[in-house]
C-alpha atoms as a PDB file:
ATOM      1  CA  MET A   1       0.302  -0.081   0.204  1.00  0.00           C
ATOM      2  CA  ARG A   2       1.488   3.440  -0.900  1.00  0.00           C
ATOM      3  CA  LEU A   3       1.003   5.886   1.712  1.00  0.00           C
ATOM      4  CA  THR A   4       0.180   9.886   0.353  1.00  0.00           C
ATOM      5  CA  ILE A   5      -0.173  13.056   2.095  1.00  0.00           C
ATOM      6  CA  THR A   6      -1.896  16.080   0.698  1.00  0.00           C
ATOM      7  CA  ILE A   7      -1.461  19.608   1.770  1.00  0.00           C
ATOM      8  CA  ASN A   8      -4.450  21.934   0.944  1.00  0.00           C
ATOM      9  CA  MET A   9      -5.069  25.665   1.539  1.00  0.00           C
ATOM     10  CA  THR A  10      -8.780  26.233   2.780  1.00  0.00           C
ATOM     11  CA  PRO A  11     -10.428  28.878   4.488  1.00  0.00           C
ATOM     12  CA  ASP A  12     -13.173  27.046   5.215  1.00  0.00           C
ATOM     13  CA  TRP A  13     -12.266  24.774   7.987  1.00  0.00           C
ATOM     14  CA  ARG A  14     -15.853  23.308   8.111  1.00  0.00           C
ATOM     15  CA  ALA A  15     -15.450  21.951   4.881  1.00  0.00           C
ATOM     16  CA  ALA A  16     -12.471  20.244   5.294  1.00  0.00           C
ATOM     17  CA  LEU A  17     -13.648  19.081   8.143  1.00  0.00           C
ATOM     18  CA  ARG A  18     -16.558  17.389   6.596  1.00  0.00           C
ATOM     19  CA  GLN A  19     -14.380  15.735   3.604  1.00  0.00           C
ATOM     20  CA  ALA A  20     -12.067  14.463   6.341  1.00  0.00           C
ATOM     21  CA  GLY A  21     -15.184  12.964   7.940  1.00  0.00           C
ATOM     22  CA  GLN A  22     -16.342  11.371   4.452  1.00  0.00           C
ATOM     23  CA  ALA A  23     -12.609   9.907   3.866  1.00  0.00           C
ATOM     24  CA  GLY A  24     -12.785   8.260   6.948  1.00  0.00           C
ATOM     25  CA  GLN A  25     -15.687   6.520   6.420  1.00  0.00           C
ATOM     26  CA  ALA A  26     -14.443   4.941   3.172  1.00  0.00           C
ATOM     27  CA  ASP A  27     -13.747   1.280   2.658  1.00  0.00           C
ATOM     28  CA  ARG A  28      -9.960   2.011   1.880  1.00  0.00           C
ATOM     29  CA  TYR A  29      -7.134   3.833   2.769  1.00  0.00           C
ATOM     30  CA  GLN A  30      -7.577   7.626   1.431  1.00  0.00           C
ATOM     31  CA  GLY A  31      -4.578   9.216   2.136  1.00  0.00           C
ATOM     32  CA  GLU A  32      -3.765  11.581   5.040  1.00  0.00           C
ATOM     33  CA  THR A  33      -4.615  15.468   4.741  1.00  0.00           C
ATOM     34  CA  LEU A  34      -3.431  18.563   6.225  1.00  0.00           C
ATOM     35  CA  SER A  35      -5.477  21.530   5.445  1.00  0.00           C
ATOM     36  CA  PHE A  36      -4.393  24.890   6.345  1.00  0.00           C
ATOM     37  CA  GLU A  37      -6.334  28.388   6.200  1.00  0.00           C
ATOM     38  CA  SER A  38      -3.545  30.272   3.951  1.00  0.00           C
ATOM     39  CA  LEU A  39      -0.263  29.870   3.275  1.00  0.00           C
ATOM     40  CA  GLY A  40       1.164  32.010   6.284  1.00  0.00           C
ATOM     41  CA  ALA A  41      -0.775  29.449   8.572  1.00  0.00           C
ATOM     42  CA  PHE A  42       0.969  26.407   6.515  1.00  0.00           C
ATOM     43  CA  PHE A  43       4.545  28.189   6.278  1.00  0.00           C
ATOM     44  CA  GLY A  44       4.221  29.245  10.506  1.00  0.00           C
ATOM     45  CA  ARG A  45       3.664  25.742  11.293  1.00  0.00           C
ATOM     46  CA  LEU A  46       7.138  24.575   9.096  1.00  0.00           C
ATOM     47  CA  THR A  47      10.169  24.126  11.710  1.00  0.00           C
ATOM     48  CA  GLU A  48      13.564  23.704  10.047  1.00  0.00           C
ATOM     49  CA  ARG A  49      13.118  19.933  10.646  1.00  0.00           C
ATOM     50  CA  ARG A  50       9.845  19.936   9.386  1.00  0.00           C
ATOM     51  CA  TRP A  51      10.776  21.606   5.838  1.00  0.00           C
ATOM     52  CA  ALA A  52      13.541  19.038   6.070  1.00  0.00           C
ATOM     53  CA  LEU A  53      10.894  16.266   5.953  1.00  0.00           C
ATOM     54  CA  VAL A  54       8.903  17.770   3.414  1.00  0.00           C
ATOM     55  CA  ASN A  55      11.842  18.035   1.123  1.00  0.00           C
ATOM     56  CA  ALA A  56      12.869  14.492   1.829  1.00  0.00           C
ATOM     57  CA  LEU A  57       9.183  13.435   1.222  1.00  0.00           C
ATOM     58  CA  GLN A  58       8.777  15.113  -2.373  1.00  0.00           C
ATOM     59  CA  GLU A  59      12.744  13.974  -3.274  1.00  0.00           C
ATOM     60  CA  GLN A  60      11.283  10.409  -2.578  1.00  0.00           C
ATOM     61  CA  GLY A  61       8.427  10.799  -4.417  1.00  0.00           C
ATOM     62  CA  ALA A  62      10.246  12.408  -7.460  1.00  0.00           C
ATOM     63  CA  ASN A  63      12.432   9.166  -7.573  1.00  0.00           C
ATOM     64  CA  ARG A  64       9.583   6.599  -7.144  1.00  0.00           C
ATOM     65  CA  ASP A  65       8.130   4.942 -10.042  1.00  0.00           C
ATOM     66  CA  PRO A  66       4.619   5.415 -10.783  1.00  0.00           C
ATOM     67  CA  GLN A  67       2.938   2.250 -10.057  1.00  0.00           C
END
């Protein structure tokens, strides 16, 4: 199973919560989602170590053959 994470920007936190609830009801894995109200909120949460993790995951994904 391939694990995924989606990072999105949505100012409507209620819609993001509804979407997460629907994904949680699915019969199969839907991936992980992080929702932020703005780019400022997203970048405000990234520490140096978290940013390094994002870069490492992007590199790993770029080097992976599509299945």
